[in-house]
N, C-alpha and C. Protein backbone atom coordinates (compact mmCIF):
# COMPACT_ATOMS: atom_id res chain seq x y z
N UNK A 1 5.35 8.13 -18.17
CA UNK A 1 3.97 8.88 -17.49
C UNK A 1 4.51 10.25 -17.15
N UNK A 2 3.68 11.16 -17.08
CA UNK A 2 4.15 12.37 -16.69
C UNK A 2 4.03 12.72 -15.42
N UNK A 3 4.74 13.57 -14.79
CA UNK A 3 5.18 13.73 -12.98
C UNK A 3 3.71 14.13 -12.70
N UNK A 4 2.99 15.09 -13.21
CA UNK A 4 1.66 15.45 -12.71
C UNK A 4 0.74 14.38 -12.56
N UNK A 5 0.63 13.54 -13.72
CA UNK A 5 -0.29 12.40 -13.52
C UNK A 5 0.08 11.54 -12.57
N UNK A 6 1.35 11.23 -12.33
CA UNK A 6 1.88 10.26 -11.27
C UNK A 6 1.57 10.68 -9.92
N UNK A 7 1.60 12.23 -9.63
CA UNK A 7 1.52 12.77 -8.47
C UNK A 7 -0.06 12.44 -8.29
N UNK A 8 -0.75 12.64 -9.20
CA UNK A 8 -2.37 12.61 -8.94
C UNK A 8 -2.68 11.10 -8.71
N UNK A 9 -1.88 10.40 -9.33
CA UNK A 9 -2.22 8.70 -9.11
C UNK A 9 -2.10 8.46 -7.51
N UNK A 10 -0.61 8.97 -7.15
CA UNK A 10 -0.20 8.73 -5.80
C UNK A 10 -1.08 9.27 -4.85
N UNK A 11 -1.34 10.57 -5.11
CA UNK A 11 -2.54 11.32 -4.14
C UNK A 11 -3.80 10.60 -3.99
N UNK A 12 -4.34 9.97 -5.19
CA UNK A 12 -5.60 9.28 -5.06
C UNK A 12 -5.32 8.10 -4.37
N UNK A 13 -4.54 7.34 -4.24
CA UNK A 13 -4.11 6.17 -3.66
C UNK A 13 -4.01 6.40 -2.33
N UNK A 14 -3.14 7.56 -1.91
CA UNK A 14 -2.93 7.98 -0.67
C UNK A 14 -4.21 8.18 0.05
N UNK A 15 -5.22 9.02 -0.37
CA UNK A 15 -6.39 9.32 0.28
C UNK A 15 -7.29 8.01 0.34
N UNK A 16 -7.23 7.35 -0.85
CA UNK A 16 -8.14 6.18 -0.49
C UNK A 16 -7.62 5.13 0.46
N UNK A 17 -6.36 5.07 0.62
CA UNK A 17 -5.67 4.37 1.64
C UNK A 17 -5.94 5.04 3.06
N UNK A 18 -5.75 6.05 3.17
CA UNK A 18 -6.16 6.59 4.67
C UNK A 18 -7.87 6.64 4.72
N UNK A 19 -8.61 6.95 3.77
CA UNK A 19 -10.22 6.67 3.98
C UNK A 19 -10.26 5.21 4.38
N UNK A 20 -9.70 4.19 3.83
CA UNK A 20 -10.00 2.90 3.88
C UNK A 20 -9.52 2.36 5.31
N UNK A 21 -8.67 3.10 6.08
CA UNK A 21 -8.18 2.67 7.09
C UNK A 21 -9.32 2.71 8.19
N UNK A 22 -9.10 1.69 9.05
CA UNK A 22 -10.19 1.32 10.09
C UNK A 22 -9.65 2.35 11.33
N UNK A 23 -10.66 2.87 12.03
CA UNK A 23 -10.30 3.72 13.31
C UNK A 23 -9.51 2.79 14.06
N UNK A 24 -8.37 3.22 14.80
CA UNK A 24 -7.68 2.23 15.81
C UNK A 24 -8.69 2.17 16.96
N UNK A 25 -8.81 1.04 17.60
CA UNK A 25 -9.47 0.98 18.58
C UNK A 25 -8.71 1.34 19.72
N UNK A 26 -9.50 1.60 20.96
CA UNK A 26 -8.72 2.28 22.11
C UNK A 26 -7.81 1.49 22.94
N UNK A 27 -7.84 0.10 22.64
CA UNK A 27 -6.90 -0.88 23.25
C UNK A 27 -6.18 -1.45 21.91
N UNK A 28 -4.89 -1.10 21.83
CA UNK A 28 -4.44 -1.74 20.60
C UNK A 28 -4.35 -3.18 20.54
N UNK A 29 -4.33 -3.87 19.26
CA UNK A 29 -4.11 -5.27 19.32
C UNK A 29 -2.69 -5.76 19.68
N UNK A 30 -2.45 -7.07 19.80
CA UNK A 30 -1.15 -7.41 20.04
C UNK A 30 -0.25 -7.32 18.66
N UNK A 31 -0.83 -7.21 17.54
CA UNK A 31 0.09 -7.12 16.42
C UNK A 31 0.50 -5.57 16.38
N UNK A 32 -0.39 -4.60 16.65
CA UNK A 32 -0.16 -3.15 16.68
C UNK A 32 0.95 -2.87 17.56
N UNK A 33 0.92 -3.68 18.93
CA UNK A 33 1.90 -3.44 20.03
C UNK A 33 3.23 -3.86 19.50
N UNK A 34 3.29 -4.99 18.95
CA UNK A 34 4.48 -5.54 18.39
C UNK A 34 5.20 -4.86 17.19
N UNK A 35 4.37 -4.36 16.25
CA UNK A 35 4.80 -3.50 15.32
C UNK A 35 5.39 -2.19 15.89
N UNK A 36 4.69 -1.54 16.73
CA UNK A 36 5.27 -0.40 17.37
C UNK A 36 6.30 -0.60 18.12
N UNK A 37 6.43 -1.66 18.82
CA UNK A 37 7.70 -1.86 19.55
C UNK A 37 9.04 -2.17 18.63
N UNK A 38 8.63 -2.76 17.75
CA UNK A 38 9.78 -2.99 16.65
C UNK A 38 10.05 -1.78 16.01
N UNK A 39 9.25 -0.82 15.71
CA UNK A 39 9.58 0.75 15.02
C UNK A 39 10.26 1.45 16.11
N UNK A 40 10.00 1.42 17.30
CA UNK A 40 10.76 2.19 18.25
C UNK A 40 12.19 1.55 18.58
N UNK A 41 12.25 0.22 18.32
CA UNK A 41 13.58 -0.41 18.52
C UNK A 41 14.61 0.36 17.34
N UNK A 42 13.95 0.22 16.09
CA UNK A 42 15.06 1.09 15.14
C UNK A 42 15.06 2.43 15.36
N UNK A 43 13.92 3.20 15.77
CA UNK A 43 14.13 4.61 16.09
C UNK A 43 15.12 4.74 17.38
N UNK A 44 15.26 3.94 18.22
CA UNK A 44 16.19 4.04 19.06
C UNK A 44 17.60 4.24 18.69
N UNK A 45 17.92 3.77 17.71
CA UNK A 45 19.09 3.61 17.01
C UNK A 45 19.46 5.19 16.37
N UNK A 46 18.54 5.51 15.89
CA UNK A 46 18.57 7.05 15.50
C UNK A 46 18.72 7.94 16.74
N UNK A 47 18.10 7.80 17.79
CA UNK A 47 18.12 8.62 18.70
C UNK A 47 19.42 8.80 19.52
N UNK A 48 20.35 7.81 19.07
CA UNK A 48 21.90 7.65 19.57
C UNK A 48 22.50 8.79 18.70
N UNK A 49 22.11 9.10 17.60
CA UNK A 49 22.65 10.04 16.56
C UNK A 49 22.03 11.52 16.82
N UNK A 50 21.19 11.65 17.79
CA UNK A 50 20.55 13.02 18.15
C UNK A 50 19.24 13.28 17.48
N UNK A 51 18.73 12.21 17.06
CA UNK A 51 17.10 12.55 16.34
C UNK A 51 16.10 12.13 17.44
N UNK A 52 15.34 12.89 17.50
CA UNK A 52 14.08 12.84 18.37
C UNK A 52 13.02 12.15 17.74
N UNK A 53 12.28 11.52 18.40
CA UNK A 53 10.90 10.52 17.83
C UNK A 53 9.84 11.66 18.05
N UNK A 54 9.35 11.64 16.95
CA UNK A 54 8.04 12.60 16.89
C UNK A 54 6.95 11.84 17.59
N UNK A 55 6.16 12.69 18.30
CA UNK A 55 4.82 12.20 19.10
C UNK A 55 3.97 11.64 17.86
N UNK A 56 3.44 10.61 18.32
CA UNK A 56 2.10 10.01 17.39
C UNK A 56 2.84 9.05 16.49
N UNK A 57 2.17 8.20 15.85
CA UNK A 57 2.56 7.19 14.88
C UNK A 57 1.18 6.78 14.20
N UNK A 58 1.53 5.99 13.12
CA UNK A 58 0.23 5.50 12.20
C UNK A 58 0.60 4.07 12.27
N UNK A 59 -0.56 3.37 12.68
CA UNK A 59 -0.80 1.84 12.68
C UNK A 59 -1.77 1.44 11.64
N UNK A 60 -1.60 0.73 10.56
CA UNK A 60 -2.17 0.51 9.47
C UNK A 60 -2.24 -0.95 9.14
N UNK A 61 -3.07 -1.63 8.21
CA UNK A 61 -2.74 -2.88 7.80
C UNK A 61 -1.96 -2.67 6.42
N UNK A 62 -1.34 -3.83 5.94
CA UNK A 62 -0.73 -3.64 4.80
C UNK A 62 -0.86 -4.91 4.06
N UNK A 63 -0.82 -5.00 2.86
CA UNK A 63 -0.51 -6.51 2.12
C UNK A 63 0.43 -6.35 1.14
N UNK A 64 1.02 -7.68 0.54
CA UNK A 64 1.86 -7.51 -0.50
C UNK A 64 1.39 -6.89 -1.70
N UNK A 65 2.37 -6.16 -2.41
CA UNK A 65 1.66 -5.35 -3.64
C UNK A 65 0.78 -4.36 -3.77
N UNK A 66 0.49 -4.09 -2.20
CA UNK A 66 -0.53 -3.11 -2.13
C UNK A 66 0.06 -1.90 -1.20
N UNK A 67 1.09 -0.88 -1.78
CA UNK A 67 1.75 -0.25 -0.80
C UNK A 67 0.68 0.66 -0.16
N UNK A 68 1.02 1.49 0.99
CA UNK A 68 0.47 2.38 1.82
C UNK A 68 1.01 3.70 1.63
N UNK A 69 0.30 4.85 1.54
CA UNK A 69 0.97 6.21 1.41
C UNK A 69 0.42 7.23 2.35
N UNK A 70 1.37 7.71 2.93
CA UNK A 70 1.02 8.66 3.99
C UNK A 70 1.52 10.11 3.66
N UNK A 71 1.08 11.15 3.77
CA UNK A 71 1.37 12.49 3.62
C UNK A 71 1.88 13.21 4.63
N UNK A 72 2.80 13.65 4.60
CA UNK A 72 3.35 14.29 5.80
C UNK A 72 4.05 15.91 5.56
N UNK A 73 3.99 16.79 6.31
CA UNK A 73 4.47 18.15 5.94
C UNK A 73 5.83 18.19 6.85
N UNK A 74 6.88 18.46 5.93
CA UNK A 74 8.01 18.75 6.52
C UNK A 74 8.84 20.11 6.35
N UNK A 75 9.54 20.49 7.25
CA UNK A 75 10.45 21.62 7.18
C UNK A 75 11.80 21.53 6.84
N UNK A 76 12.28 22.33 5.61
CA UNK A 76 13.68 22.46 5.39
C UNK A 76 14.60 22.81 6.65
N UNK A 77 15.69 22.29 6.46
CA UNK A 77 16.63 22.55 7.61
C UNK A 77 16.76 21.30 8.50
N UNK A 78 15.65 20.53 8.61
CA UNK A 78 15.48 19.42 9.31
C UNK A 78 16.17 18.19 8.70
N UNK A 79 16.63 16.89 9.50
CA UNK A 79 16.79 15.77 8.85
C UNK A 79 15.63 14.81 9.37
N UNK A 80 15.27 13.93 8.61
CA UNK A 80 14.16 13.06 8.89
C UNK A 80 14.47 11.66 8.60
N UNK A 81 13.95 10.65 9.52
CA UNK A 81 14.00 9.18 9.35
C UNK A 81 12.71 8.77 9.50
N UNK A 82 12.00 7.98 8.58
CA UNK A 82 10.66 7.45 8.63
C UNK A 82 10.93 6.02 8.69
N UNK A 83 10.36 5.48 9.91
CA UNK A 83 10.78 4.22 10.33
C UNK A 83 9.44 3.26 10.15
N UNK A 84 9.41 2.21 9.60
CA UNK A 84 8.43 1.33 9.38
C UNK A 84 8.66 0.02 10.04
N UNK A 85 7.56 -0.77 10.65
CA UNK A 85 8.05 -2.14 11.45
C UNK A 85 6.54 -2.85 11.43
N UNK A 86 6.57 -4.05 10.90
CA UNK A 86 5.44 -4.74 10.92
C UNK A 86 5.65 -6.00 11.65
N UNK A 87 4.43 -6.64 12.03
CA UNK A 87 4.35 -7.62 12.93
C UNK A 87 4.13 -8.89 11.99
N UNK A 88 4.39 -10.18 12.45
CA UNK A 88 4.24 -11.44 11.60
C UNK A 88 2.75 -11.32 11.12
N UNK A 89 2.58 -11.94 10.09
CA UNK A 89 3.46 -12.81 9.01
C UNK A 89 4.03 -11.88 7.83
N UNK A 90 4.30 -10.67 8.11
CA UNK A 90 5.08 -9.70 7.12
C UNK A 90 6.30 -10.32 7.20
N UNK A 91 7.15 -10.37 6.17
CA UNK A 91 8.42 -10.83 6.16
C UNK A 91 9.56 -9.62 5.68
N UNK A 92 8.98 -8.59 4.84
CA UNK A 92 10.15 -7.74 4.45
C UNK A 92 9.39 -6.60 4.00
N UNK A 93 9.72 -5.27 4.46
CA UNK A 93 9.10 -3.98 4.24
C UNK A 93 10.36 -3.16 3.52
N UNK A 94 9.71 -1.99 2.75
CA UNK A 94 10.56 -1.12 2.23
C UNK A 94 9.87 0.43 2.39
N UNK A 95 10.47 1.33 2.71
CA UNK A 95 10.09 2.74 2.79
C UNK A 95 10.72 3.60 1.63
N UNK A 96 9.99 4.43 1.03
CA UNK A 96 10.66 5.22 0.20
C UNK A 96 9.68 6.66 0.23
N UNK A 97 10.26 7.63 -0.41
CA UNK A 97 9.66 9.21 -0.13
C UNK A 97 9.49 9.71 -1.59
N UNK A 98 8.54 10.52 -1.87
CA UNK A 98 8.15 11.25 -2.91
C UNK A 98 7.94 12.78 -2.44
N UNK A 99 8.46 13.67 -3.56
CA UNK A 99 7.97 15.14 -3.32
C UNK A 99 6.45 15.34 -3.86
N UNK A 100 6.08 16.60 -3.54
CA UNK A 100 4.58 16.83 -3.83
C UNK A 100 4.28 16.46 -5.49
N UNK A 101 5.02 16.71 -6.17
CA UNK A 101 4.95 16.29 -7.67
C UNK A 101 4.94 14.88 -7.78
N UNK A 102 5.31 14.03 -6.86
CA UNK A 102 5.16 12.52 -7.16
C UNK A 102 6.64 11.89 -7.61
N UNK A 103 7.57 12.74 -7.57
CA UNK A 103 8.95 12.51 -7.97
C UNK A 103 9.59 11.61 -6.78
N UNK A 104 10.31 10.65 -6.96
CA UNK A 104 10.91 9.90 -6.00
C UNK A 104 12.04 10.79 -5.76
N UNK A 105 12.32 10.84 -4.13
CA UNK A 105 13.51 11.53 -3.62
C UNK A 105 14.47 10.41 -3.14
N UNK A 106 16.04 10.65 -3.39
CA UNK A 106 16.81 9.84 -2.97
C UNK A 106 17.00 9.95 -1.52
N UNK A 107 17.13 8.82 -0.97
CA UNK A 107 17.34 8.70 0.60
C UNK A 107 18.19 7.75 0.87
N UNK A 108 18.74 7.98 2.18
CA UNK A 108 19.52 6.85 2.80
C UNK A 108 18.45 5.83 3.17
N UNK A 109 18.83 4.60 3.02
CA UNK A 109 17.73 3.68 3.47
C UNK A 109 18.27 2.42 4.39
N UNK A 110 17.48 1.99 5.14
CA UNK A 110 17.72 0.64 6.12
C UNK A 110 16.62 -0.28 5.94
N UNK A 111 17.01 -1.43 5.64
CA UNK A 111 15.96 -2.71 5.84
C UNK A 111 16.70 -3.77 6.40
N UNK A 112 15.89 -4.50 7.35
CA UNK A 112 16.20 -5.53 8.07
C UNK A 112 14.81 -6.45 8.46
N UNK A 113 14.66 -7.25 7.13
CA UNK A 113 13.28 -7.94 7.44
C UNK A 113 12.29 -7.09 7.48
N UNK A 114 11.44 -7.24 8.49
CA UNK A 114 10.27 -6.47 8.64
C UNK A 114 10.19 -5.21 9.28
N UNK A 115 11.49 -4.50 9.22
CA UNK A 115 11.85 -2.99 9.49
C UNK A 115 12.63 -2.56 8.29
N UNK A 116 12.25 -1.13 8.26
CA UNK A 116 12.75 -0.51 7.24
C UNK A 116 12.60 0.95 7.39
N UNK A 117 13.48 1.89 6.99
CA UNK A 117 13.51 3.16 7.22
C UNK A 117 14.22 4.05 5.98
N UNK A 118 13.85 5.23 5.87
CA UNK A 118 14.23 6.11 5.03
C UNK A 118 14.63 7.33 5.52
N UNK A 119 15.75 7.99 5.25
CA UNK A 119 16.14 9.24 5.75
C UNK A 119 16.68 10.43 4.75
N UNK A 120 16.19 11.60 4.95
CA UNK A 120 16.66 12.60 4.00
C UNK A 120 16.58 14.02 4.88
N UNK A 121 17.00 14.90 4.10
CA UNK A 121 16.92 16.38 4.59
C UNK A 121 16.11 17.24 3.38
N UNK A 122 14.92 17.46 3.66
CA UNK A 122 14.45 18.29 2.73
C UNK A 122 15.08 19.61 2.25
N UNK A 123 14.99 20.08 1.06
CA UNK A 123 15.57 21.41 0.66
C UNK A 123 14.58 22.42 0.50
N UNK A 124 12.99 21.81 0.68
CA UNK A 124 11.93 22.55 0.53
C UNK A 124 11.20 22.39 1.70
N UNK A 125 10.27 23.13 2.39
CA UNK A 125 9.30 22.99 3.04
C UNK A 125 8.17 22.50 2.31
N UNK A 126 7.44 21.67 2.95
CA UNK A 126 6.02 21.28 2.18
C UNK A 126 5.84 19.76 2.36
N UNK A 127 4.59 19.54 1.59
CA UNK A 127 4.04 18.22 1.71
C UNK A 127 5.02 17.04 0.92
N UNK A 128 5.31 15.98 1.56
CA UNK A 128 5.95 14.81 1.13
C UNK A 128 5.17 13.50 1.32
N UNK A 129 5.29 12.54 0.45
CA UNK A 129 4.52 11.37 0.60
C UNK A 129 5.59 10.34 0.91
N UNK A 130 5.24 9.51 2.03
CA UNK A 130 5.96 8.24 2.51
C UNK A 130 5.17 7.02 2.12
N UNK A 131 6.02 6.25 1.30
CA UNK A 131 5.37 5.06 0.84
C UNK A 131 6.13 3.92 1.60
N UNK A 132 4.97 3.02 2.09
CA UNK A 132 5.43 1.80 3.03
C UNK A 132 5.00 0.81 1.85
N UNK A 133 5.82 -0.16 1.60
CA UNK A 133 5.38 -1.48 0.63
C UNK A 133 5.84 -2.76 1.18
N UNK A 134 4.97 -3.67 1.54
CA UNK A 134 5.65 -5.04 2.10
C UNK A 134 5.82 -5.77 0.96
N UNK A 135 7.06 -6.09 0.64
CA UNK A 135 7.60 -6.63 -0.29
C UNK A 135 7.62 -8.32 -0.35
N UNK A 136 7.54 -8.93 0.85
CA UNK A 136 7.26 -10.33 1.27
C UNK A 136 6.64 -10.57 2.42
N UNK A 137 5.81 -11.62 2.32
CA UNK A 137 4.83 -12.01 3.63
C UNK A 137 3.58 -12.20 3.16
N UNK A 138 2.59 -11.89 4.13
CA UNK A 138 1.19 -12.18 4.11
C UNK A 138 0.64 -10.70 4.73
N UNK A 139 -0.71 -10.54 4.54
CA UNK A 139 -1.25 -9.50 5.23
C UNK A 139 -0.94 -9.36 6.49
N UNK A 140 -0.49 -8.12 6.94
CA UNK A 140 -0.01 -7.77 8.32
C UNK A 140 -0.53 -6.48 8.97
N UNK A 141 -0.05 -6.13 10.11
CA UNK A 141 -0.14 -4.77 10.61
C UNK A 141 1.34 -4.12 10.77
N UNK A 142 1.35 -2.88 10.25
CA UNK A 142 2.64 -2.12 10.44
C UNK A 142 2.42 -0.68 11.10
N UNK A 143 3.50 -0.48 11.81
CA UNK A 143 3.64 1.01 12.58
C UNK A 143 4.76 1.70 11.71
N UNK A 144 4.30 2.99 11.41
CA UNK A 144 5.23 4.37 10.76
C UNK A 144 5.14 5.20 11.85
N UNK A 145 6.44 5.52 12.20
CA UNK A 145 6.75 6.82 13.12
C UNK A 145 7.86 7.32 12.25
N UNK A 146 8.37 8.70 12.90
CA UNK A 146 9.44 9.22 12.30
C UNK A 146 10.30 10.24 13.29
N UNK A 147 11.64 10.15 12.93
CA UNK A 147 12.48 10.96 13.97
C UNK A 147 13.03 12.18 13.12
N UNK A 148 13.39 13.15 13.88
CA UNK A 148 13.83 14.35 13.30
C UNK A 148 15.10 14.94 14.26
N UNK A 149 15.68 15.95 13.44
CA UNK A 149 16.85 16.84 14.24
C UNK A 149 17.13 17.86 13.32
């Protein structure tokens, strides 16, 4: 599959995923609170290495074999860690990154059951796509946040 077609496919899925997301209610659910607390737990480890947690987060639903895509704008010269964590009944997550053309980006990775992270330093500023995938479990809620330095 050529890269341009792959990027268009990923972009369409990303847009449909974001459009399909229900608005977050004013009071977060127990699953959202647990997912965010779990993501913050992982992010805390990166804070010990000088990474700052970016304000804001995304809390979305996820199902096995239906990855979610989130577009982010990043600056060259920074290092980033994208951290995802899910509440029960999710059992295992994975986080991966793609450039604006849909090409996978080599990253450092962390996986611990329903917690996962991917880290890298972009060479070029611009849009990137974060892919969060549930590898095992049942439909669940996950939280995505990121750290930078």
